[in-house]
Structure formats: C-alpha cells, structure tokens
C-alpha atoms as a PDB file:
ATOM      1  CA  MET A   1      23.909  49.959 -47.902  1.00  0.00           C
ATOM      2  CA  ARG A   2      25.993  47.244 -46.495  1.00  0.00           C
ATOM      3  CA  LYS A   3      29.808  47.100 -47.070  1.00  0.00           C
ATOM      4  CA  LYS A   4      32.342  44.688 -46.675  1.00  0.00           C
ATOM      5  CA  ASN A   5      35.524  45.533 -44.965  1.00  0.00           C
ATOM      6  CA  LEU A   6      39.030  44.146 -45.757  1.00  0.00           C
ATOM      7  CA  ALA A   7      38.465  41.400 -43.501  1.00  0.00           C
ATOM      8  CA  GLY A   8      35.378  40.059 -45.314  1.00  0.00           C
ATOM      9  CA  SER A   9      32.910  41.507 -42.153  1.00  0.00           C
ATOM     10  CA  TYR A  10      30.294  43.642 -43.145  1.00  0.00           C
ATOM     11  CA  PHE A  11      29.603  47.453 -41.600  1.00  0.00           C
ATOM     12  CA  GLY A  12      27.505  50.151 -42.053  1.00  0.00           C
ATOM     13  CA  LYS A  13      24.438  51.646 -40.088  1.00  0.00           C
ATOM     14  CA  HIS A  14      22.371  48.309 -39.732  1.00  0.00           C
ATOM     15  CA  ALA A  15      25.375  45.705 -39.884  1.00  0.00           C
ATOM     16  CA  GLY A  16      26.141  45.703 -36.046  1.00  0.00           C
ATOM     17  CA  ILE A  17      29.105  43.483 -34.925  1.00  0.00           C
ATOM     18  CA  ASN A  18      31.183  41.671 -37.960  1.00  0.00           C
ATOM     19  CA  GLY A  19      28.066  42.019 -39.756  1.00  0.00           C
ATOM     20  CA  LEU A  20      25.717  40.224 -37.224  1.00  0.00           C
ATOM     21  CA  SER A  21      22.576  41.860 -36.764  1.00  0.00           C
ATOM     22  CA  LYS A  22      22.370  42.358 -33.116  1.00  0.00           C
ATOM     23  CA  SER A  23      23.743  44.869 -31.031  1.00  0.00           C
ATOM     24  CA  VAL A  24      26.808  45.141 -28.622  1.00  0.00           C
ATOM     25  CA  GLY A  25      24.144  44.930 -25.668  1.00  0.00           C
ATOM     26  CA  GLU A  26      21.905  41.868 -27.143  1.00  0.00           C
ATOM     27  CA  PHE A  27      25.555  40.259 -26.851  1.00  0.00           C
ATOM     28  CA  ILE A  28      26.166  41.279 -23.436  1.00  0.00           C
ATOM     29  CA  ASP A  29      23.573  40.505 -20.474  1.00  0.00           C
ATOM     30  CA  ARG A  30      24.408  42.941 -17.620  1.00  0.00           C
ATOM     31  CA  THR A  31      20.836  42.819 -16.251  1.00  0.00           C
ATOM     32  CA  ASN A  32      20.044  38.956 -15.420  1.00  0.00           C
ATOM     33  CA  GLY A  33      22.006  37.764 -12.372  1.00  0.00           C
ATOM     34  CA  PRO A  34      22.226  33.922 -11.529  1.00  0.00           C
ATOM     35  CA  THR A  35      19.739  32.777  -8.905  1.00  0.00           C
ATOM     36  CA  VAL A  36      20.737  32.596  -5.124  1.00  0.00           C
ATOM     37  CA  PRO A  37      22.411  29.508  -4.067  1.00  0.00           C
ATOM     38  CA  THR A  38      20.166  27.379  -2.031  1.00  0.00           C
ATOM     39  CA  GLY A  39      20.632  24.770   0.140  1.00  0.00           C
ATOM     40  CA  VAL A  40      23.396  25.920   1.876  1.00  0.00           C
ATOM     41  CA  ASN A  41      25.119  24.063   5.065  1.00  0.00           C
ATOM     42  CA  ILE A  42      27.747  22.753   7.049  1.00  0.00           C
ATOM     43  CA  THR A  43      29.231  19.497   7.098  1.00  0.00           C
ATOM     44  CA  ASN A  44      32.673  18.158   8.314  1.00  0.00           C
ATOM     45  CA  GLU A  45      32.674  20.164  11.709  1.00  0.00           C
ATOM     46  CA  ALA A  46      36.265  19.496  13.019  1.00  0.00           C
ATOM     47  CA  SER A  47      37.989  21.367  15.772  1.00  0.00           C
ATOM     48  CA  THR A  48      39.970  23.713  12.617  1.00  0.00           C
ATOM     49  CA  SER A  49      37.849  23.041   9.918  1.00  0.00           C
ATOM     50  CA  LEU A  50      34.616  22.689   8.102  1.00  0.00           C
ATOM     51  CA  THR A  51      32.870  22.012   4.852  1.00  0.00           C
ATOM     52  CA  VAL A  52      30.221  24.543   3.361  1.00  0.00           C
ATOM     53  CA  ASN A  53      27.817  22.985   0.798  1.00  0.00           C
ATOM     54  CA  TRP A  54      25.339  24.587  -1.253  1.00  0.00           C
ATOM     55  CA  SER A  55      22.990  23.399  -4.487  1.00  0.00           C
ATOM     56  CA  ALA A  56      23.871  24.935  -7.827  1.00  0.00           C
ATOM     57  CA  SER A  57      22.312  28.158  -9.359  1.00  0.00           C
ATOM     58  CA  THR A  58      20.808  28.917 -12.520  1.00  0.00           C
ATOM     59  CA  ASP A  59      21.850  31.132 -15.256  1.00  0.00           C
ATOM     60  CA  ASN A  60      20.698  32.545 -19.054  1.00  0.00           C
ATOM     61  CA  VAL A  61      24.377  32.368 -19.634  1.00  0.00           C
ATOM     62  CA  GLY A  62      25.597  29.896 -17.561  1.00  0.00           C
ATOM     63  CA  VAL A  63      27.008  30.285 -13.865  1.00  0.00           C
ATOM     64  CA  THR A  64      30.845  30.366 -14.106  1.00  0.00           C
ATOM     65  CA  GLY A  65      31.341  30.240  -9.856  1.00  0.00           C
ATOM     66  CA  TYR A  66      30.594  30.894  -6.929  1.00  0.00           C
ATOM     67  CA  LYS A  67      32.175  33.328  -4.086  1.00  0.00           C
ATOM     68  CA  VAL A  68      32.005  32.267  -0.461  1.00  0.00           C
ATOM     69  CA  PHE A  69      31.899  34.706   2.550  1.00  0.00           C
ATOM     70  CA  ARG A  70      32.667  33.629   6.332  1.00  0.00           C
ATOM     71  CA  ASP A  71      31.375  36.279   8.543  1.00  0.00           C
ATOM     72  CA  ALA A  72      31.010  38.637   5.664  1.00  0.00           C
ATOM     73  CA  VAL A  73      34.291  38.610   4.339  1.00  0.00           C
ATOM     74  CA  GLN A  74      35.035  36.844   0.658  1.00  0.00           C
ATOM     75  CA  ILE A  75      36.953  33.353   1.756  1.00  0.00           C
ATOM     76  CA  ALA A  76      36.984  31.876  -1.565  1.00  0.00           C
ATOM     77  CA  ASP A  77      36.043  31.470  -5.384  1.00  0.00           C
ATOM     78  CA  VAL A  78      35.402  28.527  -6.586  1.00  0.00           C
ATOM     79  CA  ASN A  79      33.834  26.654  -9.321  1.00  0.00           C
ATOM     80  CA  ALA A  80      32.794  23.999  -7.389  1.00  0.00           C
ATOM     81  CA  LEU A  81      29.341  22.786  -4.922  1.00  0.00           C
ATOM     82  CA  THR A  82      31.462  22.727  -1.676  1.00  0.00           C
ATOM     83  CA  TYR A  83      34.358  24.663   0.194  1.00  0.00           C
ATOM     84  CA  ASN A  84      36.735  23.299   2.675  1.00  0.00           C
ATOM     85  CA  ASP A  85      37.619  25.945   5.161  1.00  0.00           C
ATOM     86  CA  SER A  86      40.408  25.307   7.474  1.00  0.00           C
ATOM     87  CA  GLY A  87      42.924  27.388   9.690  1.00  0.00           C
ATOM     88  CA  LEU A  88      39.479  27.964  12.126  1.00  0.00           C
ATOM     89  CA  THR A  89      39.482  28.718  15.690  1.00  0.00           C
ATOM     90  CA  PRO A  90      38.396  25.437  17.857  1.00  0.00           C
ATOM     91  CA  SER A  91      34.928  25.939  19.269  1.00  0.00           C
ATOM     92  CA  THR A  92      33.861  29.185  17.498  1.00  0.00           C
ATOM     93  CA  ALA A  93      30.759  29.881  15.538  1.00  0.00           C
ATOM     94  CA  TYR A  94      31.088  31.262  12.013  1.00  0.00           C
ATOM     95  CA  THR A  95      28.586  32.751   9.382  1.00  0.00           C
ATOM     96  CA  TYR A  96      28.773  31.612   5.837  1.00  0.00           C
ATOM     97  CA  THR A  97      26.581  32.662   2.937  1.00  0.00           C
ATOM     98  CA  VAL A  98      27.534  32.051  -0.737  1.00  0.00           C
ATOM     99  CA  LEU A  99      26.686  33.912  -4.124  1.00  0.00           C
ATOM    100  CA  ALA A 100      26.933  32.956  -7.845  1.00  0.00           C
ATOM    101  CA  TYR A 101      28.206  34.423 -10.742  1.00  0.00           C
ATOM    102  CA  ASP A 102      28.426  34.405 -14.590  1.00  0.00           C
ATOM    103  CA  ALA A 103      30.830  35.465 -17.262  1.00  0.00           C
ATOM    104  CA  ASN A 104      29.049  38.578 -17.942  1.00  0.00           C
ATOM    105  CA  GLY A 105      29.943  39.731 -14.451  1.00  0.00           C
ATOM    106  CA  ASN A 106      26.248  39.343 -13.013  1.00  0.00           C
ATOM    107  CA  GLU A 107      26.075  38.229  -9.516  1.00  0.00           C
ATOM    108  CA  SER A 108      23.213  37.068  -7.179  1.00  0.00           C
ATOM    109  CA  ALA A 109      22.182  38.117  -3.998  1.00  0.00           C
ATOM    110  CA  GLN A 110      23.911  36.702  -1.279  1.00  0.00           C
ATOM    111  CA  SER A 111      22.189  33.148   0.193  1.00  0.00           C
ATOM    112  CA  ALA A 112      20.836  33.275   3.732  1.00  0.00           C
ATOM    113  CA  GLY A 113      23.420  33.148   6.356  1.00  0.00           C
ATOM    114  CA  VAL A 114      24.235  29.501   8.170  1.00  0.00           C
ATOM    115  CA  ILE A 115      26.292  28.862  10.899  1.00  0.00           C
ATOM    116  CA  GLY A 116      28.643  26.461  11.568  1.00  0.00           C
ATOM    117  CA  THR A 117      30.781  25.738  14.848  1.00  0.00           C
ATOM    118  CA  THR A 118      33.873  24.373  15.017  1.00  0.00           C
ATOM    119  CA  THR A 119      34.596  21.463  17.939  1.00  0.00           C
ATOM    120  CA  ALA A 120      36.993  21.893  20.878  1.00  0.00           C
END
C-alpha cells in the first residue's frame, strides 16, 4: 500500500524516491563515463606558453568539464575545448593529455598524449 507523507510524497515498499518508481541506482549513473577526448593538438607555441585543444566528448548525462594534464600532473579543470598553458620554460617539450568528466563523477580515460614544445 502506498501512503503519502506530510509533504505529499508517496512512501512505502514500492514508492521509490518521492513517489517516483525508480530506485536511487537508476537516478545516479556511476558506470558510464564520457568518451575519451580526441583530436588533442597543440597550437600557438611560444617561448613560455602554448595552447592545448581537443574535440568534445559525449556522455549519456552530459559532459561537465575536462581535466588537462602536463607530464602526468593535472594542471587545469576547464569547461571549454581549449586551454592556454603559460609560465613554461623556453625550448622545452611537454606531454599533454585530457580527460572528460560528467556530473555524476564518471571520468573518461585520458586521451593519447601529444607533445608540445615551447620556442627558444
């Protein structure tokens, strides 16, 4: 038997959350991460900066943002498809990867690494 609480929501054995028929596990998808970002490339290489670009990932609940890594260390968390990395050392090669994440905390794998080299 379904009953209403004082707030007007149903509760009971089969009522679900606030009278809805889905369980908590159906509302929070913790298994499907976004696709891996592709097309990662480097542009605007200068002596102390460069720009990392990539193509959008897709996800069943929507991509919330991207984490950018330089030499395996996270350096940024952005909600764009580009990141300008500055304060770099001239004539130095850096390896960049990017991963996507969604609102449920699911993350993609990191993209393939791409090397960017600052100018002299």
